Amino acid sequence: MFEARNVLRFVKGGETYVFTFDDENRINTCVLIAQFAANPELSLSWYDAAVLSKKVRETPTCEENDDATNISPCCIKPHNRHCDG
């Protein structure tokens, strides 16, 4: 069985943030992004967190990407699913 994994990468200053999430843990990912924004030792701002959280929420789910002709930057699926990035 294959699982869809989404990867969101953000670089700011000398820091790189990489978030991986699937359809089931989108909310947890947004909470984690907010926790990073609240940490004064990190460069992630609340504006950055808002933009990243919006991207997490707007990333198509597996159900939304079930059409074999749809290309998604977030999927790892069997041969009938096209992935880029």
N, C-alpha and C. Protein backbone atom coordinates (compact mmCIF):
# COMPACT_ATOMS: atom_id res chain seq x y z
N MET A 1 0.85 -1.18 0.00
CA MET A 1 0.00 0.00 0.00
C MET A 1 0.89 1.24 0.00
N PHE A 2 0.50 2.23 -0.78
CA PHE A 2 1.25 3.47 -0.87
C PHE A 2 0.57 4.55 -0.06
N GLU A 3 1.37 5.44 0.48
CA GLU A 3 0.85 6.57 1.23
C GLU A 3 1.25 7.86 0.55
N ALA A 4 0.37 8.84 0.56
CA ALA A 4 0.70 10.16 0.04
C ALA A 4 1.38 10.94 1.15
N ARG A 5 2.49 11.53 0.83
CA ARG A 5 3.20 12.40 1.77
C ARG A 5 3.41 13.74 1.10
N ASN A 6 3.15 14.78 1.82
CA ASN A 6 3.37 16.13 1.35
C ASN A 6 4.61 16.67 2.04
N VAL A 7 5.40 17.41 1.32
CA VAL A 7 6.60 18.02 1.89
C VAL A 7 6.53 19.51 1.62
N LEU A 8 6.66 20.27 2.67
CA LEU A 8 6.66 21.73 2.58
C LEU A 8 8.01 22.20 3.12
N ARG A 9 8.77 22.89 2.29
CA ARG A 9 10.11 23.35 2.68
C ARG A 9 10.12 24.87 2.65
N PHE A 10 10.70 25.46 3.71
CA PHE A 10 10.76 26.91 3.82
C PHE A 10 12.14 27.29 4.33
N VAL A 11 12.79 28.22 3.64
CA VAL A 11 14.13 28.67 4.03
C VAL A 11 14.04 30.14 4.39
N LYS A 12 14.57 30.47 5.56
CA LYS A 12 14.59 31.87 6.00
C LYS A 12 15.89 32.10 6.75
N GLY A 13 16.65 33.06 6.27
CA GLY A 13 17.94 33.30 6.90
C GLY A 13 18.79 32.05 6.78
N GLY A 14 19.38 31.63 7.88
CA GLY A 14 20.18 30.42 7.89
C GLY A 14 19.42 29.19 8.32
N GLU A 15 18.10 29.31 8.42
CA GLU A 15 17.29 28.19 8.89
C GLU A 15 16.45 27.60 7.75
N THR A 16 16.34 26.30 7.75
CA THR A 16 15.49 25.59 6.80
C THR A 16 14.47 24.79 7.59
N TYR A 17 13.22 25.00 7.26
CA TYR A 17 12.13 24.28 7.91
C TYR A 17 11.55 23.31 6.89
N VAL A 18 11.43 22.05 7.27
CA VAL A 18 10.85 21.04 6.39
C VAL A 18 9.72 20.35 7.16
N PHE A 19 8.53 20.45 6.62
CA PHE A 19 7.36 19.83 7.24
C PHE A 19 6.85 18.74 6.31
N THR A 20 6.66 17.56 6.83
CA THR A 20 6.03 16.48 6.06
C THR A 20 4.69 16.16 6.72
N PHE A 21 3.69 15.98 5.88
CA PHE A 21 2.36 15.70 6.43
C PHE A 21 1.56 14.90 5.42
N ASP A 22 0.55 14.22 5.93
CA ASP A 22 -0.38 13.50 5.07
C ASP A 22 -1.78 14.06 5.34
N ASP A 23 -2.76 13.45 4.73
CA ASP A 23 -4.13 13.96 4.86
C ASP A 23 -4.62 13.96 6.30
N GLU A 24 -4.14 13.01 7.11
CA GLU A 24 -4.64 12.88 8.48
C GLU A 24 -4.00 13.84 9.48
N ASN A 25 -2.81 14.36 9.19
CA ASN A 25 -2.17 15.19 10.21
C ASN A 25 -1.94 16.64 9.77
N ARG A 26 -2.80 17.15 8.93
CA ARG A 26 -2.69 18.55 8.51
C ARG A 26 -2.83 19.51 9.70
N ILE A 27 -3.81 19.26 10.55
CA ILE A 27 -4.04 20.16 11.68
C ILE A 27 -2.84 20.15 12.61
N ASN A 28 -2.29 18.97 12.89
CA ASN A 28 -1.10 18.89 13.74
C ASN A 28 0.07 19.64 13.14
N THR A 29 0.19 19.61 11.83
CA THR A 29 1.27 20.34 11.16
C THR A 29 1.08 21.84 11.33
N CYS A 30 -0.14 22.31 11.21
CA CYS A 30 -0.41 23.74 11.40
C CYS A 30 -0.12 24.16 12.85
N VAL A 31 -0.45 23.30 13.80
CA VAL A 31 -0.16 23.59 15.22
C VAL A 31 1.35 23.67 15.42
N LEU A 32 2.09 22.75 14.83
CA LEU A 32 3.56 22.76 14.94
C LEU A 32 4.15 24.03 14.33
N ILE A 33 3.63 24.45 13.20
CA ILE A 33 4.11 25.69 12.57
C ILE A 33 3.87 26.87 13.50
N ALA A 34 2.70 26.91 14.14
CA ALA A 34 2.40 27.99 15.09
C ALA A 34 3.34 27.95 16.29
N GLN A 35 3.67 26.76 16.76
CA GLN A 35 4.61 26.64 17.88
C GLN A 35 5.99 27.16 17.50
N PHE A 36 6.40 26.88 16.27
CA PHE A 36 7.68 27.41 15.81
C PHE A 36 7.65 28.93 15.73
N ALA A 37 6.54 29.50 15.27
CA ALA A 37 6.42 30.96 15.19
C ALA A 37 6.45 31.59 16.57
N ALA A 38 5.92 30.90 17.56
CA ALA A 38 5.89 31.43 18.92
C ALA A 38 7.25 31.33 19.61
N ASN A 39 8.17 30.58 19.05
CA ASN A 39 9.49 30.41 19.65
C ASN A 39 10.40 31.56 19.23
N PRO A 40 10.79 32.43 20.16
CA PRO A 40 11.61 33.59 19.82
C PRO A 40 13.03 33.23 19.36
N GLU A 41 13.44 31.99 19.59
CA GLU A 41 14.78 31.57 19.17
C GLU A 41 14.83 31.18 17.69
N LEU A 42 13.66 31.09 17.06
CA LEU A 42 13.60 30.73 15.64
C LEU A 42 13.23 31.97 14.81
N SER A 43 13.62 31.96 13.55
CA SER A 43 13.37 33.11 12.69
C SER A 43 11.97 33.10 12.06
N LEU A 44 11.21 32.04 12.26
CA LEU A 44 9.89 31.93 11.67
C LEU A 44 8.94 32.94 12.30
N SER A 45 8.40 33.84 11.48
CA SER A 45 7.48 34.86 11.99
C SER A 45 6.04 34.36 11.92
N TRP A 46 5.14 35.14 12.53
CA TRP A 46 3.72 34.77 12.47
C TRP A 46 3.20 34.91 11.05
N TYR A 47 3.72 35.87 10.31
CA TYR A 47 3.33 35.99 8.90
C TYR A 47 3.76 34.73 8.13
N ASP A 48 5.02 34.29 8.34
CA ASP A 48 5.50 33.06 7.70
C ASP A 48 4.59 31.88 8.06
N ALA A 49 4.23 31.81 9.34
CA ALA A 49 3.38 30.71 9.82
C ALA A 49 2.02 30.74 9.14
N ALA A 50 1.47 31.93 8.96
CA ALA A 50 0.18 32.05 8.30
C ALA A 50 0.25 31.58 6.85
N VAL A 51 1.31 31.97 6.16
CA VAL A 51 1.48 31.56 4.76
C VAL A 51 1.69 30.05 4.67
N LEU A 52 2.54 29.49 5.53
CA LEU A 52 2.80 28.05 5.51
C LEU A 52 1.54 27.26 5.86
N SER A 53 0.81 27.70 6.87
CA SER A 53 -0.42 27.01 7.26
C SER A 53 -1.45 27.04 6.13
N LYS A 54 -1.51 28.15 5.42
CA LYS A 54 -2.42 28.24 4.28
C LYS A 54 -2.03 27.22 3.21
N LYS A 55 -0.73 27.08 2.96
CA LYS A 55 -0.27 26.10 1.97
C LYS A 55 -0.62 24.68 2.40
N VAL A 56 -0.49 24.40 3.70
CA VAL A 56 -0.84 23.07 4.21
C VAL A 56 -2.33 22.81 3.98
N ARG A 57 -3.16 23.79 4.31
CA ARG A 57 -4.60 23.62 4.16
C ARG A 57 -5.02 23.51 2.70
N GLU A 58 -4.33 24.19 1.81
CA GLU A 58 -4.71 24.21 0.40
C GLU A 58 -4.09 23.08 -0.42
N THR A 59 -3.18 22.31 0.16
CA THR A 59 -2.60 21.18 -0.56
C THR A 59 -3.68 20.15 -0.84
N PRO A 60 -3.83 19.74 -2.08
CA PRO A 60 -4.89 18.77 -2.40
C PRO A 60 -4.73 17.46 -1.62
N THR A 61 -5.84 16.89 -1.23
CA THR A 61 -5.83 15.60 -0.56
C THR A 61 -5.71 14.50 -1.61
N CYS A 62 -5.49 13.27 -1.17
CA CYS A 62 -5.44 12.15 -2.10
C CYS A 62 -6.76 12.00 -2.85
N GLU A 63 -7.86 12.20 -2.15
CA GLU A 63 -9.17 12.10 -2.81
C GLU A 63 -9.31 13.13 -3.91
N GLU A 64 -8.84 14.34 -3.64
CA GLU A 64 -8.93 15.41 -4.64
C GLU A 64 -8.00 15.14 -5.82
N ASN A 65 -6.96 14.34 -5.61
CA ASN A 65 -5.99 14.05 -6.66
C ASN A 65 -6.15 12.67 -7.25
N ASP A 66 -7.32 12.08 -7.14
CA ASP A 66 -7.50 10.71 -7.60
C ASP A 66 -7.57 10.58 -9.12
N ASP A 67 -7.75 11.68 -9.81
CA ASP A 67 -7.77 11.64 -11.26
C ASP A 67 -6.37 11.35 -11.77
N ALA A 68 -6.21 10.32 -12.57
CA ALA A 68 -4.89 9.91 -13.06
C ALA A 68 -4.24 10.96 -13.93
N THR A 69 -5.00 11.90 -14.45
CA THR A 69 -4.41 12.95 -15.29
C THR A 69 -3.98 14.15 -14.48
N ASN A 70 -4.31 14.18 -13.21
CA ASN A 70 -3.97 15.31 -12.36
C ASN A 70 -2.54 15.16 -11.85
N ILE A 71 -1.76 16.19 -12.00
CA ILE A 71 -0.38 16.17 -11.52
C ILE A 71 -0.33 16.90 -10.19
N SER A 72 0.19 16.25 -9.17
CA SER A 72 0.28 16.83 -7.84
C SER A 72 1.71 16.83 -7.36
N PRO A 73 2.18 17.93 -6.77
CA PRO A 73 3.54 17.96 -6.23
C PRO A 73 3.64 17.26 -4.88
N CYS A 74 2.55 16.64 -4.44
CA CYS A 74 2.55 16.13 -3.07
C CYS A 74 2.32 14.63 -2.96
N CYS A 75 2.38 13.90 -4.05
CA CYS A 75 1.92 12.52 -3.94
C CYS A 75 3.02 11.50 -4.21
N ILE A 76 2.88 10.38 -3.57
CA ILE A 76 3.67 9.20 -3.86
C ILE A 76 2.64 8.09 -4.00
N LYS A 77 2.32 7.72 -5.20
CA LYS A 77 1.26 6.76 -5.45
C LYS A 77 1.71 5.74 -6.48
N PRO A 78 0.93 4.70 -6.70
CA PRO A 78 1.25 3.73 -7.74
C PRO A 78 1.35 4.35 -9.11
N HIS A 79 1.64 3.56 -10.10
CA HIS A 79 1.92 4.03 -11.45
C HIS A 79 0.84 4.92 -12.06
N ASN A 80 -0.36 4.88 -11.57
CA ASN A 80 -1.42 5.71 -12.17
C ASN A 80 -1.42 7.14 -11.63
N ARG A 81 -0.52 7.45 -10.74
CA ARG A 81 -0.44 8.80 -10.16
C ARG A 81 0.85 9.44 -10.62
N HIS A 82 0.75 10.62 -11.17
CA HIS A 82 1.93 11.35 -11.63
C HIS A 82 2.41 12.27 -10.52
N CYS A 83 3.68 12.29 -10.29
CA CYS A 83 4.24 13.16 -9.25
C CYS A 83 5.37 13.97 -9.84
N ASP A 84 5.45 15.21 -9.42
CA ASP A 84 6.62 16.01 -9.76
C ASP A 84 7.11 16.69 -8.51
N GLY A 85 8.32 17.14 -8.50
CA GLY A 85 8.89 17.84 -7.36
C GLY A 85 9.29 16.93 -6.31
